Amino acid sequence: MLVLLAVSALFLKIVGEETKEVVPPYIKQCKEGDPYIVKCLIDAVHHLSPYLAAGIPEIELPSVEPFRMEELSLSLTTGPNGYKVTLSDIDIFGASNFTVNKLKMSENGKPFEAEIYMPELRINSKYSSSGILIILPASGRGSFHGRFGSVTAMVKGKTSTNVKEGKKYLNVDSLNFDMKVQTINMGVKNVYRNSRILVEAMNLFLREKMDRKSYT
């Protein structure tokens, strides 16, 4: 998640010692040794939200509204003619509107943990598919639109630091997350040469697939 990578990249500025350097406005500093450092860190991350929405040109951080992905491929059924979907030119809206519910710092080599809540994520993208859908050949192109409500991300990650040319850098060594989604509304348009039967079959298939998933 871009939000987490951005926070990780800024972590050494958020947590640090007193400095004579001018602290940029998007940084709300926390001090090492503060007994309430977890609360301070959560507040600092929330402080970043509007800057993530607008982007931070001085550190070459683009806006996350929308957050853009080039491509995502999914295999929805198995077999030699399994149904495969590719989303491209993906725009994701809502990533900057988040709340950090929980944060556990890394200790003794264990990963840090965080629970992040987003009220809604909306996705618009191009859509292409190939394979057999139910019993019908269903290769086509069109558009995909999705609305995901009450999204909770459970995040775990490991970081390390190194010093290069007298400066301290933070490395994100690993980052894993599970997503839980409470409500989902999604579908495709203008696919299969506007075949109403195939479009409705695909939308029904997507709804049934998502209803059966645990989203974790």
N, C-alpha and C. Protein backbone atom coordinates (compact mmCIF):
# COMPACT_ATOMS: atom_id res chain seq x y z
N MET A 1 0.84 -1.20 0.00
CA MET A 1 0.00 0.00 0.00
C MET A 1 0.87 1.25 0.00
N LEU A 2 0.55 2.17 -0.91
CA LEU A 2 1.37 3.37 -1.03
C LEU A 2 1.38 4.18 0.25
N VAL A 3 0.26 4.24 0.96
CA VAL A 3 0.19 5.00 2.22
C VAL A 3 1.25 4.49 3.19
N LEU A 4 1.35 3.17 3.32
CA LEU A 4 2.30 2.58 4.27
C LEU A 4 3.73 2.81 3.83
N LEU A 5 4.00 2.71 2.54
CA LEU A 5 5.36 2.96 2.06
C LEU A 5 5.76 4.42 2.27
N ALA A 6 4.80 5.32 2.08
CA ALA A 6 5.09 6.74 2.30
C ALA A 6 5.41 7.00 3.76
N VAL A 7 4.62 6.42 4.66
CA VAL A 7 4.86 6.59 6.09
C VAL A 7 6.21 6.00 6.47
N SER A 8 6.53 4.83 5.91
CA SER A 8 7.82 4.21 6.20
C SER A 8 8.97 5.08 5.72
N ALA A 9 8.81 5.68 4.54
CA ALA A 9 9.87 6.53 3.99
C ALA A 9 10.10 7.77 4.84
N LEU A 10 9.06 8.24 5.52
CA LEU A 10 9.16 9.45 6.34
C LEU A 10 9.44 9.13 7.81
N PHE A 11 9.53 7.85 8.14
CA PHE A 11 9.59 7.45 9.54
C PHE A 11 10.78 8.05 10.28
N LEU A 12 11.93 8.09 9.64
CA LEU A 12 13.12 8.60 10.31
C LEU A 12 13.02 10.09 10.61
N LYS A 13 12.21 10.80 9.85
CA LYS A 13 11.98 12.21 10.15
C LYS A 13 10.92 12.38 11.23
N ILE A 14 9.94 11.47 11.24
CA ILE A 14 8.88 11.55 12.24
C ILE A 14 9.43 11.20 13.62
N VAL A 15 10.27 10.16 13.67
CA VAL A 15 10.87 9.74 14.93
C VAL A 15 12.34 10.12 14.90
N GLY A 16 12.77 11.00 15.78
CA GLY A 16 14.16 11.40 15.76
C GLY A 16 14.52 12.29 16.92
N GLU A 17 15.75 12.70 16.92
CA GLU A 17 16.24 13.58 17.97
C GLU A 17 16.02 15.04 17.57
N GLU A 18 16.24 15.93 18.52
CA GLU A 18 16.14 17.35 18.22
C GLU A 18 17.12 17.70 17.10
N THR A 19 16.70 18.55 16.19
CA THR A 19 17.55 18.89 15.07
C THR A 19 17.41 20.37 14.74
N LYS A 20 18.46 20.94 14.18
CA LYS A 20 18.41 22.34 13.77
C LYS A 20 17.80 22.49 12.38
N GLU A 21 17.63 21.37 11.70
CA GLU A 21 17.04 21.42 10.37
C GLU A 21 15.57 21.84 10.47
N VAL A 22 15.12 22.55 9.44
CA VAL A 22 13.72 22.96 9.38
C VAL A 22 12.87 21.73 9.08
N VAL A 23 11.90 21.47 9.94
CA VAL A 23 11.02 20.31 9.75
C VAL A 23 9.91 20.71 8.78
N PRO A 24 9.73 19.97 7.69
CA PRO A 24 8.69 20.33 6.72
C PRO A 24 7.30 20.22 7.34
N PRO A 25 6.32 20.94 6.80
CA PRO A 25 5.00 20.99 7.43
C PRO A 25 4.27 19.66 7.46
N TYR A 26 4.62 18.74 6.55
CA TYR A 26 3.94 17.45 6.54
C TYR A 26 4.47 16.50 7.61
N ILE A 27 5.53 16.89 8.31
CA ILE A 27 6.11 16.05 9.36
C ILE A 27 5.68 16.55 10.73
N LYS A 28 5.07 15.67 11.49
CA LYS A 28 4.79 15.93 12.91
C LYS A 28 5.71 15.01 13.69
N GLN A 29 6.76 15.59 14.28
CA GLN A 29 7.81 14.76 14.87
C GLN A 29 7.42 14.15 16.21
N CYS A 30 7.93 12.94 16.43
CA CYS A 30 7.83 12.25 17.71
C CYS A 30 9.26 12.02 18.21
N LYS A 31 9.41 11.96 19.49
CA LYS A 31 10.74 11.84 20.09
C LYS A 31 10.97 10.43 20.62
N GLU A 32 12.13 9.89 20.32
CA GLU A 32 12.49 8.59 20.86
C GLU A 32 12.50 8.66 22.38
N GLY A 33 11.94 7.63 23.01
CA GLY A 33 11.87 7.60 24.47
C GLY A 33 10.59 8.16 25.03
N ASP A 34 9.76 8.78 24.19
CA ASP A 34 8.47 9.29 24.64
C ASP A 34 7.60 8.12 25.08
N PRO A 35 7.09 8.12 26.33
CA PRO A 35 6.24 7.01 26.79
C PRO A 35 4.94 6.88 26.00
N TYR A 36 4.56 7.94 25.31
CA TYR A 36 3.33 7.91 24.50
C TYR A 36 3.66 7.96 23.01
N ILE A 37 4.77 7.33 22.65
CA ILE A 37 5.23 7.43 21.27
C ILE A 37 4.26 6.78 20.28
N VAL A 38 3.56 5.71 20.68
CA VAL A 38 2.62 5.07 19.77
C VAL A 38 1.49 6.03 19.40
N LYS A 39 0.94 6.71 20.40
CA LYS A 39 -0.11 7.70 20.13
C LYS A 39 0.43 8.83 19.26
N CYS A 40 1.66 9.26 19.54
CA CYS A 40 2.27 10.32 18.75
C CYS A 40 2.44 9.89 17.30
N LEU A 41 2.86 8.64 17.09
CA LEU A 41 3.05 8.14 15.73
C LEU A 41 1.72 8.07 14.98
N ILE A 42 0.67 7.61 15.66
CA ILE A 42 -0.64 7.54 15.02
C ILE A 42 -1.11 8.94 14.63
N ASP A 43 -0.94 9.90 15.54
CA ASP A 43 -1.30 11.29 15.23
C ASP A 43 -0.49 11.82 14.05
N ALA A 44 0.80 11.45 14.00
CA ALA A 44 1.67 11.91 12.92
C ALA A 44 1.23 11.34 11.57
N VAL A 45 0.82 10.08 11.58
CA VAL A 45 0.34 9.45 10.35
C VAL A 45 -0.96 10.11 9.89
N HIS A 46 -1.87 10.38 10.84
CA HIS A 46 -3.11 11.06 10.48
C HIS A 46 -2.83 12.47 9.94
N HIS A 47 -1.81 13.11 10.49
CA HIS A 47 -1.42 14.45 10.02
C HIS A 47 -0.98 14.42 8.55
N LEU A 48 -0.44 13.28 8.12
CA LEU A 48 0.03 13.15 6.74
C LEU A 48 -1.10 13.05 5.72
N SER A 49 -2.29 12.68 6.16
CA SER A 49 -3.38 12.35 5.24
C SER A 49 -3.62 13.39 4.15
N PRO A 50 -3.82 14.68 4.49
CA PRO A 50 -4.07 15.65 3.41
C PRO A 50 -2.88 15.84 2.47
N TYR A 51 -1.68 15.64 2.98
CA TYR A 51 -0.49 15.77 2.14
C TYR A 51 -0.38 14.59 1.17
N LEU A 52 -0.79 13.41 1.62
CA LEU A 52 -0.81 12.25 0.73
C LEU A 52 -1.84 12.46 -0.37
N ALA A 53 -2.97 13.08 -0.02
CA ALA A 53 -4.01 13.34 -1.02
C ALA A 53 -3.52 14.31 -2.09
N ALA A 54 -2.75 15.32 -1.68
CA ALA A 54 -2.27 16.34 -2.62
C ALA A 54 -0.96 15.95 -3.30
N GLY A 55 -0.18 15.07 -2.65
CA GLY A 55 1.16 14.75 -3.13
C GLY A 55 2.19 15.66 -2.48
N ILE A 56 3.43 15.20 -2.41
CA ILE A 56 4.52 15.98 -1.81
C ILE A 56 5.63 16.08 -2.85
N PRO A 57 5.61 17.12 -3.69
CA PRO A 57 6.58 17.23 -4.79
C PRO A 57 8.04 17.21 -4.35
N GLU A 58 8.35 17.79 -3.19
CA GLU A 58 9.75 17.91 -2.80
C GLU A 58 10.42 16.56 -2.52
N ILE A 59 9.63 15.54 -2.24
CA ILE A 59 10.19 14.20 -2.08
C ILE A 59 9.70 13.27 -3.19
N GLU A 60 9.14 13.87 -4.25
CA GLU A 60 8.68 13.14 -5.43
C GLU A 60 7.64 12.08 -5.07
N LEU A 61 6.76 12.42 -4.14
CA LEU A 61 5.67 11.52 -3.76
C LEU A 61 4.40 11.97 -4.48
N PRO A 62 3.88 11.15 -5.39
CA PRO A 62 2.67 11.56 -6.12
C PRO A 62 1.43 11.49 -5.24
N SER A 63 0.38 12.15 -5.68
CA SER A 63 -0.89 12.08 -4.96
C SER A 63 -1.43 10.65 -4.98
N VAL A 64 -2.07 10.26 -3.88
CA VAL A 64 -2.72 8.95 -3.85
C VAL A 64 -4.20 9.07 -4.23
N GLU A 65 -4.61 10.25 -4.69
CA GLU A 65 -5.98 10.45 -5.15
C GLU A 65 -5.99 10.90 -6.60
N PRO A 66 -6.15 9.97 -7.54
CA PRO A 66 -6.26 8.54 -7.26
C PRO A 66 -4.88 7.88 -7.17
N PHE A 67 -4.86 6.72 -6.52
CA PHE A 67 -3.68 5.87 -6.54
C PHE A 67 -3.76 5.05 -7.83
N ARG A 68 -2.70 5.08 -8.62
CA ARG A 68 -2.74 4.45 -9.94
C ARG A 68 -1.89 3.19 -9.98
N MET A 69 -2.46 2.16 -10.58
CA MET A 69 -1.75 0.91 -10.83
C MET A 69 -1.84 0.61 -12.32
N GLU A 70 -0.77 0.03 -12.85
CA GLU A 70 -0.77 -0.27 -14.29
C GLU A 70 -1.62 -1.49 -14.62
N GLU A 71 -1.48 -2.56 -13.83
CA GLU A 71 -2.16 -3.80 -14.21
C GLU A 71 -2.32 -4.73 -13.02
N LEU A 72 -3.41 -5.49 -13.04
CA LEU A 72 -3.67 -6.52 -12.04
C LEU A 72 -4.36 -7.67 -12.74
N SER A 73 -3.80 -8.88 -12.62
CA SER A 73 -4.36 -10.06 -13.28
C SER A 73 -4.91 -11.04 -12.25
N LEU A 74 -6.07 -11.63 -12.57
CA LEU A 74 -6.73 -12.56 -11.66
C LEU A 74 -7.18 -13.79 -12.44
N SER A 75 -7.02 -14.97 -11.84
CA SER A 75 -7.57 -16.21 -12.39
C SER A 75 -8.77 -16.60 -11.53
N LEU A 76 -9.97 -16.50 -12.11
CA LEU A 76 -11.19 -16.72 -11.33
C LEU A 76 -11.65 -18.17 -11.35
N THR A 77 -11.25 -18.94 -12.37
CA THR A 77 -11.53 -20.37 -12.40
C THR A 77 -10.28 -21.09 -12.88
N THR A 78 -10.21 -22.38 -12.62
CA THR A 78 -9.03 -23.17 -12.99
C THR A 78 -9.29 -23.97 -14.26
N GLY A 79 -8.27 -24.70 -14.70
CA GLY A 79 -8.41 -25.54 -15.88
C GLY A 79 -7.79 -24.90 -17.11
N PRO A 80 -7.68 -25.68 -18.20
CA PRO A 80 -7.03 -25.18 -19.42
C PRO A 80 -7.76 -23.98 -20.03
N ASN A 81 -9.07 -23.91 -19.84
CA ASN A 81 -9.85 -22.77 -20.34
C ASN A 81 -10.36 -21.92 -19.20
N GLY A 82 -9.57 -21.87 -18.12
CA GLY A 82 -9.99 -21.10 -16.95
C GLY A 82 -10.24 -19.65 -17.27
N TYR A 83 -11.17 -19.05 -16.53
CA TYR A 83 -11.56 -17.67 -16.81
C TYR A 83 -10.57 -16.72 -16.15
N LYS A 84 -9.94 -15.88 -16.96
CA LYS A 84 -8.91 -14.96 -16.47
C LYS A 84 -9.32 -13.52 -16.77
N VAL A 85 -9.05 -12.66 -15.81
CA VAL A 85 -9.41 -11.25 -15.91
C VAL A 85 -8.16 -10.40 -15.72
N THR A 86 -8.01 -9.38 -16.53
CA THR A 86 -6.92 -8.42 -16.36
C THR A 86 -7.50 -7.02 -16.28
N LEU A 87 -7.17 -6.32 -15.19
CA LEU A 87 -7.54 -4.92 -15.04
C LEU A 87 -6.32 -4.07 -15.37
N SER A 88 -6.51 -3.01 -16.13
CA SER A 88 -5.39 -2.13 -16.50
C SER A 88 -5.81 -0.67 -16.37
N ASP A 89 -4.81 0.21 -16.31
CA ASP A 89 -5.07 1.65 -16.10
C ASP A 89 -6.01 1.83 -14.91
N ILE A 90 -5.59 1.30 -13.77
CA ILE A 90 -6.45 1.24 -12.59
C ILE A 90 -6.33 2.52 -11.77
N ASP A 91 -7.46 3.14 -11.48
CA ASP A 91 -7.52 4.30 -10.59
C ASP A 91 -8.27 3.91 -9.33
N ILE A 92 -7.62 4.10 -8.17
CA ILE A 92 -8.22 3.77 -6.88
C ILE A 92 -8.41 5.06 -6.09
N PHE A 93 -9.65 5.33 -5.69
CA PHE A 93 -9.98 6.55 -4.95
C PHE A 93 -10.32 6.20 -3.50
N GLY A 94 -9.90 7.06 -2.58
CA GLY A 94 -10.25 6.88 -1.17
C GLY A 94 -9.09 6.45 -0.29
N ALA A 95 -7.90 6.25 -0.87
CA ALA A 95 -6.77 5.73 -0.09
C ALA A 95 -6.25 6.73 0.94
N SER A 96 -6.50 8.02 0.73
CA SER A 96 -5.99 9.03 1.68
C SER A 96 -6.92 9.23 2.87
N ASN A 97 -8.12 8.69 2.79
CA ASN A 97 -9.09 8.83 3.88
C ASN A 97 -9.01 7.58 4.75
N PHE A 98 -8.12 7.59 5.73
CA PHE A 98 -7.87 6.40 6.53
C PHE A 98 -7.73 6.76 8.00
N THR A 99 -7.92 5.75 8.84
CA THR A 99 -7.72 5.88 10.28
C THR A 99 -6.86 4.72 10.76
N VAL A 100 -5.81 5.02 11.50
CA VAL A 100 -4.99 3.97 12.11
C VAL A 100 -5.63 3.61 13.44
N ASN A 101 -6.24 2.43 13.50
CA ASN A 101 -6.91 2.01 14.73
C ASN A 101 -5.94 1.45 15.76
N LYS A 102 -4.93 0.73 15.28
CA LYS A 102 -3.97 0.10 16.18
C LYS A 102 -2.57 0.18 15.56
N LEU A 103 -1.58 0.25 16.42
CA LEU A 103 -0.18 0.24 15.97
C LEU A 103 0.67 -0.41 17.03
N LYS A 104 1.43 -1.42 16.61
CA LYS A 104 2.35 -2.10 17.52
C LYS A 104 3.75 -2.00 16.94
N MET A 105 4.65 -1.39 17.70
CA MET A 105 6.00 -1.18 17.22
C MET A 105 6.78 -2.49 17.13
N SER A 106 7.77 -2.51 16.25
CA SER A 106 8.65 -3.66 16.12
C SER A 106 9.55 -3.78 17.35
N GLU A 107 9.61 -4.99 17.92
CA GLU A 107 10.46 -5.24 19.08
C GLU A 107 11.15 -6.59 18.94
N ASN A 108 12.42 -6.62 19.29
CA ASN A 108 13.20 -7.87 19.30
C ASN A 108 13.13 -8.62 17.97
N GLY A 109 13.20 -7.87 16.89
CA GLY A 109 13.20 -8.49 15.57
C GLY A 109 11.84 -8.88 15.04
N LYS A 110 10.80 -8.69 15.84
CA LYS A 110 9.45 -9.03 15.39
C LYS A 110 8.92 -7.91 14.49
N PRO A 111 7.99 -8.24 13.57
CA PRO A 111 7.47 -7.21 12.67
C PRO A 111 6.57 -6.21 13.40
N PHE A 112 6.49 -5.00 12.85
CA PHE A 112 5.50 -4.07 13.37
C PHE A 112 4.13 -4.49 12.85
N GLU A 113 3.08 -4.10 13.56
CA GLU A 113 1.72 -4.44 13.17
C GLU A 113 0.85 -3.19 13.22
N ALA A 114 -0.07 -3.10 12.28
CA ALA A 114 -0.98 -1.96 12.26
C ALA A 114 -2.33 -2.40 11.72
N GLU A 115 -3.38 -1.74 12.21
CA GLU A 115 -4.73 -1.94 11.68
C GLU A 115 -5.20 -0.60 11.12
N ILE A 116 -5.49 -0.58 9.83
CA ILE A 116 -5.87 0.65 9.15
C ILE A 116 -7.27 0.49 8.57
N TYR A 117 -8.12 1.49 8.82
CA TYR A 117 -9.51 1.45 8.35
C TYR A 117 -9.74 2.53 7.30
N MET A 118 -10.41 2.16 6.21
CA MET A 118 -10.81 3.11 5.18
C MET A 118 -12.30 2.96 4.93
N PRO A 119 -13.07 4.04 5.04
CA PRO A 119 -14.52 3.94 4.88
C PRO A 119 -14.94 3.41 3.52
N GLU A 120 -14.21 3.81 2.48
CA GLU A 120 -14.61 3.38 1.14
C GLU A 120 -13.44 3.49 0.16
N LEU A 121 -13.33 2.49 -0.70
CA LEU A 121 -12.41 2.53 -1.83
C LEU A 121 -13.22 2.35 -3.11
N ARG A 122 -12.95 3.19 -4.11
CA ARG A 122 -13.62 3.07 -5.41
C ARG A 122 -12.57 2.80 -6.48
N ILE A 123 -12.89 1.89 -7.37
CA ILE A 123 -11.95 1.49 -8.41
C ILE A 123 -12.59 1.64 -9.79
N ASN A 124 -11.89 2.30 -10.69
CA ASN A 124 -12.26 2.38 -12.10
C ASN A 124 -11.08 1.88 -12.93
N SER A 125 -11.36 1.04 -13.92
CA SER A 125 -10.26 0.54 -14.74
C SER A 125 -10.77 0.01 -16.07
N LYS A 126 -9.84 -0.24 -16.97
CA LYS A 126 -10.15 -1.00 -18.17
C LYS A 126 -10.18 -2.48 -17.80
N TYR A 127 -10.88 -3.25 -18.61
CA TYR A 127 -11.12 -4.65 -18.27
C TYR A 127 -10.95 -5.51 -19.52
N SER A 128 -10.24 -6.62 -19.37
CA SER A 128 -10.18 -7.61 -20.44
C SER A 128 -10.26 -9.00 -19.83
N SER A 129 -10.81 -9.94 -20.59
CA SER A 129 -10.99 -11.29 -20.05
C SER A 129 -10.80 -12.32 -21.15
N SER A 130 -10.52 -13.55 -20.72
CA SER A 130 -10.39 -14.66 -21.66
C SER A 130 -10.77 -15.95 -20.95
N GLY A 131 -11.24 -16.93 -21.74
CA GLY A 131 -11.59 -18.22 -21.15
C GLY A 131 -13.08 -18.49 -21.21
N ILE A 132 -13.48 -19.49 -20.44
CA ILE A 132 -14.88 -19.93 -20.42
C ILE A 132 -15.53 -19.45 -19.14
N LEU A 133 -16.65 -18.72 -19.27
CA LEU A 133 -17.43 -18.26 -18.14
C LEU A 133 -18.67 -19.12 -18.04
N ILE A 134 -18.75 -19.92 -16.97
CA ILE A 134 -19.82 -20.91 -16.78
C ILE A 134 -19.72 -21.91 -17.93
N ILE A 135 -20.47 -21.75 -19.03
CA ILE A 135 -20.34 -22.67 -20.17
C ILE A 135 -20.13 -21.91 -21.47
N LEU A 136 -19.93 -20.59 -21.37
CA LEU A 136 -19.86 -19.76 -22.57
C LEU A 136 -18.46 -19.18 -22.76
N PRO A 137 -17.94 -19.18 -24.00
CA PRO A 137 -16.70 -18.44 -24.25
C PRO A 137 -16.94 -16.97 -23.94
N ALA A 138 -16.04 -16.38 -23.17
CA ALA A 138 -16.31 -15.02 -22.69
C ALA A 138 -15.07 -14.15 -22.74
N SER A 139 -14.44 -14.09 -23.90
CA SER A 139 -13.31 -13.17 -24.06
C SER A 139 -13.85 -11.81 -24.50
N GLY A 140 -13.32 -10.76 -23.91
CA GLY A 140 -13.82 -9.44 -24.27
C GLY A 140 -13.08 -8.34 -23.56
N ARG A 141 -13.47 -7.10 -23.88
CA ARG A 141 -12.87 -5.92 -23.27
C ARG A 141 -13.97 -4.94 -22.91
N GLY A 142 -13.71 -4.13 -21.89
CA GLY A 142 -14.68 -3.14 -21.48
C GLY A 142 -14.15 -2.34 -20.31
N SER A 143 -15.04 -1.97 -19.40
CA SER A 143 -14.66 -1.19 -18.23
C SER A 143 -15.14 -1.87 -16.96
N PHE A 144 -14.39 -1.67 -15.89
CA PHE A 144 -14.71 -2.26 -14.59
C PHE A 144 -14.87 -1.12 -13.58
N HIS A 145 -15.90 -1.25 -12.74
CA HIS A 145 -16.14 -0.27 -11.68
C HIS A 145 -16.46 -1.02 -10.39
N GLY A 146 -15.81 -0.62 -9.31
CA GLY A 146 -16.04 -1.28 -8.02
C GLY A 146 -16.12 -0.29 -6.89
N ARG A 147 -16.95 -0.62 -5.90
CA ARG A 147 -17.06 0.19 -4.69
C ARG A 147 -16.95 -0.76 -3.49
N PHE A 148 -15.96 -0.52 -2.65
CA PHE A 148 -15.68 -1.41 -1.52
C PHE A 148 -15.84 -0.61 -0.23
N GLY A 149 -16.80 -1.01 0.61
CA GLY A 149 -17.10 -0.25 1.80
C GLY A 149 -16.55 -0.87 3.07
N SER A 150 -16.17 -0.02 4.02
CA SER A 150 -15.64 -0.45 5.32
C SER A 150 -14.48 -1.44 5.14
N VAL A 151 -13.38 -0.92 4.64
CA VAL A 151 -12.19 -1.74 4.36
C VAL A 151 -11.22 -1.65 5.54
N THR A 152 -10.84 -2.81 6.07
CA THR A 152 -9.87 -2.87 7.16
C THR A 152 -8.64 -3.64 6.68
N ALA A 153 -7.49 -3.03 6.80
CA ALA A 153 -6.23 -3.67 6.41
C ALA A 153 -5.42 -4.00 7.65
N MET A 154 -5.05 -5.27 7.79
CA MET A 154 -4.18 -5.72 8.87
C MET A 154 -2.77 -5.85 8.28
N VAL A 155 -1.86 -5.04 8.76
CA VAL A 155 -0.54 -4.90 8.14
C VAL A 155 0.56 -5.41 9.06
N LYS A 156 1.51 -6.15 8.48
CA LYS A 156 2.71 -6.56 9.20
C LYS A 156 3.92 -6.26 8.32
N GLY A 157 4.98 -5.79 8.92
CA GLY A 157 6.16 -5.48 8.13
C GLY A 157 7.42 -5.44 8.96
N LYS A 158 8.54 -5.59 8.29
CA LYS A 158 9.85 -5.50 8.95
C LYS A 158 10.66 -4.41 8.28
N THR A 159 11.37 -3.66 9.10
CA THR A 159 12.22 -2.59 8.59
C THR A 159 13.63 -2.72 9.17
N SER A 160 14.57 -2.09 8.52
CA SER A 160 15.94 -2.03 9.03
C SER A 160 16.52 -0.67 8.64
N THR A 161 17.60 -0.30 9.29
CA THR A 161 18.24 0.98 8.98
C THR A 161 19.69 0.76 8.57
N ASN A 162 20.19 1.64 7.74
CA ASN A 162 21.62 1.63 7.42
C ASN A 162 22.09 3.07 7.23
N VAL A 163 23.38 3.26 7.37
CA VAL A 163 23.97 4.59 7.27
C VAL A 163 24.79 4.66 5.98
N LYS A 164 24.52 5.68 5.18
CA LYS A 164 25.23 5.88 3.92
C LYS A 164 25.60 7.34 3.80
N GLU A 165 26.90 7.59 3.66
CA GLU A 165 27.41 8.96 3.53
C GLU A 165 26.95 9.84 4.69
N GLY A 166 26.97 9.24 5.88
CA GLY A 166 26.63 9.99 7.08
C GLY A 166 25.15 10.19 7.32
N LYS A 167 24.32 9.63 6.45
CA LYS A 167 22.87 9.77 6.62
C LYS A 167 22.25 8.42 6.92
N LYS A 168 21.22 8.44 7.74
CA LYS A 168 20.55 7.21 8.16
C LYS A 168 19.33 6.97 7.27
N TYR A 169 19.24 5.76 6.72
CA TYR A 169 18.15 5.42 5.82
C TYR A 169 17.36 4.25 6.39
N LEU A 170 16.06 4.27 6.10
CA LEU A 170 15.17 3.20 6.53
C LEU A 170 14.84 2.31 5.34
N ASN A 171 15.03 1.01 5.49
CA ASN A 171 14.65 0.05 4.46
C ASN A 171 13.38 -0.68 4.88
N VAL A 172 12.44 -0.82 3.96
CA VAL A 172 11.27 -1.65 4.19
C VAL A 172 11.61 -3.03 3.64
N ASP A 173 11.92 -3.97 4.54
CA ASP A 173 12.38 -5.30 4.13
C ASP A 173 11.23 -6.20 3.70
N SER A 174 10.09 -6.07 4.35
CA SER A 174 8.93 -6.87 3.98
C SER A 174 7.67 -6.13 4.40
N LEU A 175 6.60 -6.34 3.65
CA LEU A 175 5.33 -5.69 3.96
C LEU A 175 4.21 -6.59 3.48
N ASN A 176 3.41 -7.08 4.41
CA ASN A 176 2.30 -7.98 4.09
C ASN A 176 1.02 -7.45 4.71
N PHE A 177 -0.10 -7.67 4.03
CA PHE A 177 -1.35 -7.24 4.61
C PHE A 177 -2.51 -8.13 4.17
N ASP A 178 -3.50 -8.24 5.05
CA ASP A 178 -4.76 -8.91 4.77
C ASP A 178 -5.86 -7.86 4.76
N MET A 179 -6.80 -8.01 3.84
CA MET A 179 -7.89 -7.05 3.72
C MET A 179 -9.21 -7.70 4.12
N LYS A 180 -10.00 -6.96 4.87
CA LYS A 180 -11.37 -7.35 5.16
C LYS A 180 -12.30 -6.27 4.62
N VAL A 181 -13.30 -6.69 3.86
CA VAL A 181 -14.21 -5.74 3.22
C VAL A 181 -15.64 -6.08 3.63
N GLN A 182 -16.36 -5.09 4.13
CA GLN A 182 -17.71 -5.36 4.63
C GLN A 182 -18.75 -5.37 3.51
N THR A 183 -18.68 -4.42 2.59
CA THR A 183 -19.65 -4.37 1.49
C THR A 183 -18.93 -4.20 0.16
N ILE A 184 -19.46 -4.86 -0.87
CA ILE A 184 -18.85 -4.81 -2.20
C ILE A 184 -19.94 -4.61 -3.25
N ASN A 185 -19.70 -3.69 -4.15
CA ASN A 185 -20.58 -3.47 -5.29
C ASN A 185 -19.70 -3.26 -6.51
N MET A 186 -19.73 -4.18 -7.45
CA MET A 186 -18.85 -4.05 -8.60
C MET A 186 -19.46 -4.69 -9.82
N GLY A 187 -19.00 -4.29 -10.98
CA GLY A 187 -19.51 -4.85 -12.22
C GLY A 187 -18.72 -4.38 -13.41
N VAL A 188 -19.07 -4.92 -14.58
CA VAL A 188 -18.40 -4.57 -15.83
C VAL A 188 -19.42 -3.97 -16.80
N LYS A 189 -18.90 -3.16 -17.73
CA LYS A 189 -19.75 -2.54 -18.75
C LYS A 189 -19.05 -2.62 -20.11
N ASN A 190 -19.89 -2.59 -21.15
CA ASN A 190 -19.38 -2.52 -22.53
C ASN A 190 -18.44 -3.66 -22.87
N VAL A 191 -18.77 -4.86 -22.37
CA VAL A 191 -17.93 -6.03 -22.61
C VAL A 191 -18.68 -7.01 -23.52
N TYR A 192 -17.94 -7.88 -24.19
CA TYR A 192 -18.52 -8.95 -25.01
C TYR A 192 -19.42 -8.38 -26.10
N ARG A 193 -18.95 -7.32 -26.75
CA ARG A 193 -19.69 -6.68 -27.84
C ARG A 193 -21.10 -6.32 -27.39
N ASN A 194 -21.16 -5.86 -26.13
CA ASN A 194 -22.43 -5.42 -25.54
C ASN A 194 -23.47 -6.53 -25.46
N SER A 195 -23.01 -7.79 -25.39
CA SER A 195 -23.94 -8.90 -25.19
C SER A 195 -24.53 -8.82 -23.79
N ARG A 196 -25.83 -8.57 -23.71
CA ARG A 196 -26.48 -8.40 -22.41
C ARG A 196 -26.38 -9.67 -21.57
N ILE A 197 -26.52 -10.83 -22.22
CA ILE A 197 -26.49 -12.10 -21.49
C ILE A 197 -25.13 -12.30 -20.84
N LEU A 198 -24.05 -12.08 -21.59
CA LEU A 198 -22.71 -12.29 -21.04
C LEU A 198 -22.37 -11.25 -19.97
N VAL A 199 -22.78 -10.00 -20.19
CA VAL A 199 -22.51 -8.97 -19.19
C VAL A 199 -23.22 -9.30 -17.88
N GLU A 200 -24.50 -9.68 -17.96
CA GLU A 200 -25.24 -10.03 -16.74
C GLU A 200 -24.66 -11.28 -16.09
N ALA A 201 -24.24 -12.26 -16.91
CA ALA A 201 -23.64 -13.48 -16.36
C ALA A 201 -22.34 -13.16 -15.63
N MET A 202 -21.54 -12.25 -16.21
CA MET A 202 -20.28 -11.88 -15.58
C MET A 202 -20.52 -11.14 -14.27
N ASN A 203 -21.46 -10.21 -14.26
CA ASN A 203 -21.75 -9.47 -13.03
C ASN A 203 -22.29 -10.39 -11.94
N LEU A 204 -23.14 -11.35 -12.32
CA LEU A 204 -23.64 -12.32 -11.35
C LEU A 204 -22.50 -13.18 -10.82
N PHE A 205 -21.61 -13.61 -11.72
CA PHE A 205 -20.47 -14.42 -11.33
C PHE A 205 -19.58 -13.68 -10.35
N LEU A 206 -19.30 -12.40 -10.63
CA LEU A 206 -18.47 -11.60 -9.73
C LEU A 206 -19.11 -11.46 -8.36
N ARG A 207 -20.42 -11.19 -8.32
CA ARG A 207 -21.10 -11.03 -7.03
C ARG A 207 -21.04 -12.32 -6.22
N GLU A 208 -21.29 -13.45 -6.88
CA GLU A 208 -21.26 -14.73 -6.16
C GLU A 208 -19.85 -15.04 -5.68
N LYS A 209 -18.85 -14.77 -6.50
CA LYS A 209 -17.46 -15.01 -6.11
C LYS A 209 -17.10 -14.21 -4.87
N MET A 210 -17.46 -12.94 -4.88
CA MET A 210 -17.08 -12.07 -3.77
C MET A 210 -17.89 -12.38 -2.52
N ASP A 211 -19.16 -12.79 -2.68
CA ASP A 211 -19.99 -13.14 -1.52
C ASP A 211 -19.43 -14.34 -0.78
N ARG A 212 -18.74 -15.23 -1.49
CA ARG A 212 -18.21 -16.45 -0.88
C ARG A 212 -16.83 -16.27 -0.27
N LYS A 213 -16.21 -15.14 -0.54
CA LYS A 213 -14.85 -14.94 -0.04
C LYS A 213 -14.87 -14.35 1.35
N SER A 214 -13.83 -14.63 2.10
CA SER A 214 -13.70 -14.10 3.46
C SER A 214 -12.99 -12.75 3.46
N TYR A 215 -12.34 -12.39 2.32
CA TYR A 215 -11.62 -11.13 2.17
C TYR A 215 -10.44 -11.02 3.11
N THR A 216 -9.81 -12.13 3.46
CA THR A 216 -8.64 -12.08 4.32
C THR A 216 -7.47 -12.73 3.60
